[in-house]
N, C-alpha and C. Protein backbone atom coordinates (compact mmCIF):
# COMPACT_ATOMS: atom_id res chain seq x y z
N MET A 1 84.12 -57.75 -106.53
CA MET A 1 84.71 -56.48 -106.21
C MET A 1 85.08 -56.40 -104.73
N HIS A 2 84.20 -56.88 -103.88
CA HIS A 2 84.48 -56.83 -102.45
C HIS A 2 85.69 -57.67 -102.11
N LEU A 3 85.80 -58.83 -102.74
CA LEU A 3 86.92 -59.72 -102.46
C LEU A 3 88.25 -59.07 -102.83
N SER A 4 88.31 -58.46 -103.99
CA SER A 4 89.57 -57.84 -104.41
C SER A 4 89.94 -56.67 -103.49
N ARG A 5 88.95 -55.93 -103.03
CA ARG A 5 89.22 -54.82 -102.10
C ARG A 5 89.71 -55.35 -100.76
N TYR A 6 89.09 -56.42 -100.29
CA TYR A 6 89.49 -57.05 -99.03
C TYR A 6 90.93 -57.56 -99.12
N ILE A 7 91.26 -58.20 -100.23
CA ILE A 7 92.62 -58.69 -100.44
C ILE A 7 93.60 -57.52 -100.45
N ALA A 8 93.26 -56.46 -101.15
CA ALA A 8 94.14 -55.28 -101.21
C ALA A 8 94.34 -54.68 -99.82
N ASP A 9 93.28 -54.59 -99.04
CA ASP A 9 93.38 -54.05 -97.68
C ASP A 9 94.27 -54.93 -96.81
N LEU A 10 94.11 -56.24 -96.92
CA LEU A 10 94.95 -57.15 -96.15
C LEU A 10 96.42 -57.03 -96.55
N GLU A 11 96.66 -56.91 -97.84
CA GLU A 11 98.04 -56.76 -98.32
C GLU A 11 98.66 -55.47 -97.80
N THR A 12 97.89 -54.40 -97.74
CA THR A 12 98.38 -53.13 -97.21
C THR A 12 98.73 -53.27 -95.73
N LEU A 13 97.82 -53.86 -94.96
CA LEU A 13 98.08 -54.07 -93.54
C LEU A 13 99.29 -54.96 -93.32
N LEU A 14 99.41 -55.97 -94.14
CA LEU A 14 100.54 -56.88 -94.03
C LEU A 14 101.85 -56.14 -94.28
N ALA A 15 101.88 -55.30 -95.30
CA ALA A 15 103.09 -54.53 -95.61
C ALA A 15 103.45 -53.58 -94.47
N GLU A 16 102.46 -53.02 -93.83
CA GLU A 16 102.68 -52.06 -92.74
C GLU A 16 103.13 -52.72 -91.44
N HIS A 17 102.61 -53.90 -91.14
CA HIS A 17 102.80 -54.49 -89.81
C HIS A 17 103.52 -55.83 -89.79
N LYS A 18 104.00 -56.29 -90.92
CA LYS A 18 104.58 -57.63 -91.01
C LYS A 18 105.74 -57.83 -90.04
N ALA A 19 106.61 -56.88 -89.95
CA ALA A 19 107.80 -57.04 -89.12
C ALA A 19 107.48 -57.09 -87.63
N SER A 20 106.48 -56.36 -87.20
CA SER A 20 106.20 -56.27 -85.78
C SER A 20 105.27 -57.37 -85.25
N GLN A 21 104.55 -58.02 -86.12
CA GLN A 21 103.56 -59.01 -85.69
C GLN A 21 103.71 -60.30 -86.51
N ARG A 22 104.80 -61.02 -86.35
CA ARG A 22 105.08 -62.18 -87.21
C ARG A 22 103.97 -63.24 -87.16
N PHE A 23 103.47 -63.55 -85.96
CA PHE A 23 102.42 -64.58 -85.85
C PHE A 23 101.16 -64.14 -86.61
N TRP A 24 100.83 -62.87 -86.51
CA TRP A 24 99.67 -62.32 -87.23
C TRP A 24 99.93 -62.33 -88.74
N ALA A 25 101.14 -61.94 -89.12
CA ALA A 25 101.50 -61.88 -90.54
C ALA A 25 101.40 -63.27 -91.18
N GLU A 26 101.80 -64.30 -90.47
CA GLU A 26 101.70 -65.66 -91.01
C GLU A 26 100.24 -66.06 -91.24
N ASP A 27 99.37 -65.68 -90.31
CA ASP A 27 97.95 -65.97 -90.48
C ASP A 27 97.37 -65.21 -91.67
N VAL A 28 97.75 -63.96 -91.81
CA VAL A 28 97.24 -63.14 -92.92
C VAL A 28 97.77 -63.68 -94.25
N GLU A 29 99.02 -64.08 -94.30
CA GLU A 29 99.59 -64.65 -95.53
C GLU A 29 98.83 -65.91 -95.93
N SER A 30 98.52 -66.73 -94.95
CA SER A 30 97.75 -67.96 -95.21
C SER A 30 96.35 -67.62 -95.73
N LEU A 31 95.71 -66.66 -95.10
CA LEU A 31 94.38 -66.23 -95.54
C LEU A 31 94.44 -65.68 -96.96
N LEU A 32 95.45 -64.88 -97.26
CA LEU A 32 95.59 -64.32 -98.61
C LEU A 32 95.74 -65.41 -99.66
N GLU A 33 96.52 -66.44 -99.35
CA GLU A 33 96.67 -67.57 -100.29
C GLU A 33 95.31 -68.19 -100.60
N THR A 34 94.50 -68.37 -99.57
CA THR A 34 93.17 -68.95 -99.74
C THR A 34 92.27 -68.02 -100.55
N LEU A 35 92.26 -66.73 -100.20
CA LEU A 35 91.38 -65.77 -100.86
C LEU A 35 91.72 -65.60 -102.34
N VAL A 36 93.00 -65.60 -102.66
CA VAL A 36 93.42 -65.42 -104.05
C VAL A 36 92.96 -66.59 -104.91
N LYS A 37 92.93 -67.79 -104.33
CA LYS A 37 92.51 -68.97 -105.07
C LYS A 37 90.99 -69.13 -105.17
N LEU A 38 90.25 -68.46 -104.31
CA LEU A 38 88.80 -68.63 -104.26
C LEU A 38 88.09 -68.47 -105.60
N PRO A 39 88.32 -67.38 -106.33
CA PRO A 39 87.55 -67.19 -107.57
C PRO A 39 87.75 -68.28 -108.62
N THR A 40 88.81 -69.06 -108.51
CA THR A 40 89.05 -70.12 -109.49
C THR A 40 88.37 -71.44 -109.09
N ARG A 41 87.79 -71.47 -107.92
CA ARG A 41 87.10 -72.69 -107.49
C ARG A 41 85.78 -72.84 -108.22
N LYS A 42 85.45 -74.06 -108.55
CA LYS A 42 84.22 -74.35 -109.29
C LYS A 42 82.98 -73.89 -108.51
N ASP A 43 83.02 -74.03 -107.20
CA ASP A 43 81.86 -73.71 -106.38
C ASP A 43 81.89 -72.29 -105.81
N PHE A 44 82.75 -71.44 -106.34
CA PHE A 44 82.90 -70.07 -105.81
C PHE A 44 81.58 -69.30 -105.84
N CYS A 45 80.82 -69.43 -106.89
CA CYS A 45 79.61 -68.62 -107.05
C CYS A 45 78.35 -69.32 -106.55
N ILE A 46 78.51 -70.42 -105.84
CA ILE A 46 77.34 -71.15 -105.33
C ILE A 46 76.95 -70.58 -103.97
N PRO A 47 75.75 -69.99 -103.88
CA PRO A 47 75.30 -69.43 -102.61
C PRO A 47 75.04 -70.54 -101.59
N LEU A 48 75.88 -70.61 -100.58
CA LEU A 48 75.77 -71.69 -99.60
C LEU A 48 74.48 -71.64 -98.80
N ASP A 49 73.90 -70.45 -98.66
CA ASP A 49 72.65 -70.35 -97.90
C ASP A 49 71.48 -71.00 -98.63
N LEU A 50 71.65 -71.31 -99.90
CA LEU A 50 70.59 -72.01 -100.66
C LEU A 50 70.86 -73.51 -100.75
N LYS A 51 72.00 -73.96 -100.28
CA LYS A 51 72.43 -75.35 -100.45
C LYS A 51 71.40 -76.32 -99.85
N ASN A 52 71.24 -76.36 -98.58
CA ASN A 52 70.20 -77.11 -97.88
C ASN A 52 69.81 -78.43 -98.55
N GLY A 53 70.79 -79.28 -98.83
CA GLY A 53 70.52 -80.58 -99.43
C GLY A 53 70.40 -80.59 -100.94
N ARG A 54 70.56 -79.44 -101.57
CA ARG A 54 70.46 -79.36 -103.03
C ARG A 54 71.84 -79.60 -103.66
N SER A 55 71.83 -80.09 -104.89
CA SER A 55 73.08 -80.23 -105.63
C SER A 55 73.53 -78.85 -106.07
N ASP A 56 74.79 -78.73 -106.48
CA ASP A 56 75.32 -77.45 -106.96
C ASP A 56 74.50 -76.93 -108.14
N GLU A 57 74.13 -77.81 -109.06
CA GLU A 57 73.33 -77.39 -110.21
C GLU A 57 71.97 -76.87 -109.78
N GLU A 58 71.34 -77.56 -108.81
CA GLU A 58 70.03 -77.11 -108.32
C GLU A 58 70.15 -75.74 -107.65
N VAL A 59 71.22 -75.55 -106.90
CA VAL A 59 71.43 -74.26 -106.22
C VAL A 59 71.62 -73.15 -107.25
N LEU A 60 72.41 -73.40 -108.29
CA LEU A 60 72.63 -72.39 -109.32
C LEU A 60 71.32 -72.06 -110.05
N THR A 61 70.52 -73.07 -110.33
CA THR A 61 69.22 -72.84 -110.98
C THR A 61 68.32 -72.01 -110.08
N LEU A 62 68.27 -72.36 -108.80
CA LEU A 62 67.44 -71.62 -107.86
C LEU A 62 67.93 -70.17 -107.73
N ALA A 63 69.24 -69.98 -107.68
CA ALA A 63 69.80 -68.63 -107.57
C ALA A 63 69.42 -67.79 -108.80
N ARG A 64 69.48 -68.39 -109.97
CA ARG A 64 69.07 -67.68 -111.19
C ARG A 64 67.59 -67.30 -111.13
N GLN A 65 66.76 -68.24 -110.67
CA GLN A 65 65.32 -67.97 -110.58
C GLN A 65 65.03 -66.84 -109.59
N LEU A 66 65.72 -66.88 -108.45
CA LEU A 66 65.51 -65.83 -107.44
C LEU A 66 65.97 -64.47 -107.96
N THR A 67 67.10 -64.46 -108.66
CA THR A 67 67.60 -63.21 -109.24
C THR A 67 66.63 -62.68 -110.28
N ASP A 68 66.08 -63.56 -111.09
CA ASP A 68 65.11 -63.16 -112.09
C ASP A 68 63.86 -62.59 -111.44
N ARG A 69 63.38 -63.24 -110.39
CA ARG A 69 62.18 -62.76 -109.70
C ARG A 69 62.44 -61.42 -109.04
N PHE A 70 63.62 -61.24 -108.47
CA PHE A 70 63.97 -59.96 -107.86
C PHE A 70 64.02 -58.87 -108.92
N GLY A 71 64.58 -59.19 -110.08
CA GLY A 71 64.60 -58.24 -111.19
C GLY A 71 63.19 -57.86 -111.62
N GLY A 72 62.30 -58.83 -111.62
CA GLY A 72 60.91 -58.55 -111.94
C GLY A 72 60.29 -57.60 -110.94
N LEU A 73 60.57 -57.81 -109.68
CA LEU A 73 60.08 -56.92 -108.64
C LEU A 73 60.60 -55.50 -108.85
N LEU A 74 61.88 -55.39 -109.14
CA LEU A 74 62.48 -54.07 -109.35
C LEU A 74 61.87 -53.34 -110.55
N SER A 75 61.42 -54.07 -111.54
CA SER A 75 60.82 -53.42 -112.70
C SER A 75 59.51 -52.71 -112.32
N PHE A 76 58.86 -53.17 -111.27
CA PHE A 76 57.63 -52.53 -110.79
C PHE A 76 57.88 -51.49 -109.71
N TRP A 77 59.11 -51.36 -109.25
CA TRP A 77 59.43 -50.49 -108.13
C TRP A 77 58.98 -49.03 -108.35
N PRO A 78 59.27 -48.40 -109.48
CA PRO A 78 58.83 -47.01 -109.66
C PRO A 78 57.31 -46.86 -109.53
N GLU A 79 56.57 -47.80 -110.09
CA GLU A 79 55.12 -47.75 -109.99
C GLU A 79 54.66 -47.92 -108.55
N MET A 80 55.33 -48.80 -107.81
CA MET A 80 54.97 -49.01 -106.41
C MET A 80 55.24 -47.75 -105.60
N LEU A 81 56.36 -47.07 -105.85
CA LEU A 81 56.67 -45.83 -105.15
C LEU A 81 55.64 -44.75 -105.46
N GLU A 82 55.27 -44.65 -106.73
CA GLU A 82 54.28 -43.67 -107.15
C GLU A 82 52.94 -43.92 -106.46
N THR A 83 52.53 -45.17 -106.43
CA THR A 83 51.26 -45.52 -105.77
C THR A 83 51.33 -45.23 -104.30
N ALA A 84 52.44 -45.59 -103.65
CA ALA A 84 52.59 -45.36 -102.21
C ALA A 84 52.59 -43.87 -101.87
N ALA A 85 53.12 -43.06 -102.76
CA ALA A 85 53.17 -41.62 -102.51
C ALA A 85 51.77 -41.00 -102.47
N HIS A 86 50.81 -41.65 -103.12
CA HIS A 86 49.45 -41.12 -103.16
C HIS A 86 48.51 -41.78 -102.14
N MET A 87 49.06 -42.59 -101.30
CA MET A 87 48.25 -43.26 -100.27
C MET A 87 48.13 -42.35 -99.05
N PRO A 88 46.98 -42.41 -98.37
CA PRO A 88 46.81 -41.55 -97.18
C PRO A 88 47.66 -42.00 -96.01
């Protein structure tokens, strides 16, 4: 969602300022070409901050595990808030 909004914002700025800033417009056009192609890349959804010598498959597995663990934490969140509310 963020990517599509960013692309839309860049396209709007490009339409508004293309004629007055040709050097800038060329850079933005190049960036837009790259951004539009990003979601079709095989490694688009691979979190690079988890890469650290891991293969793409290992990173995807780790990302799934972390997401699952975070979901588990969130399932206890209401109880944690309730307990914290009664602490001195």
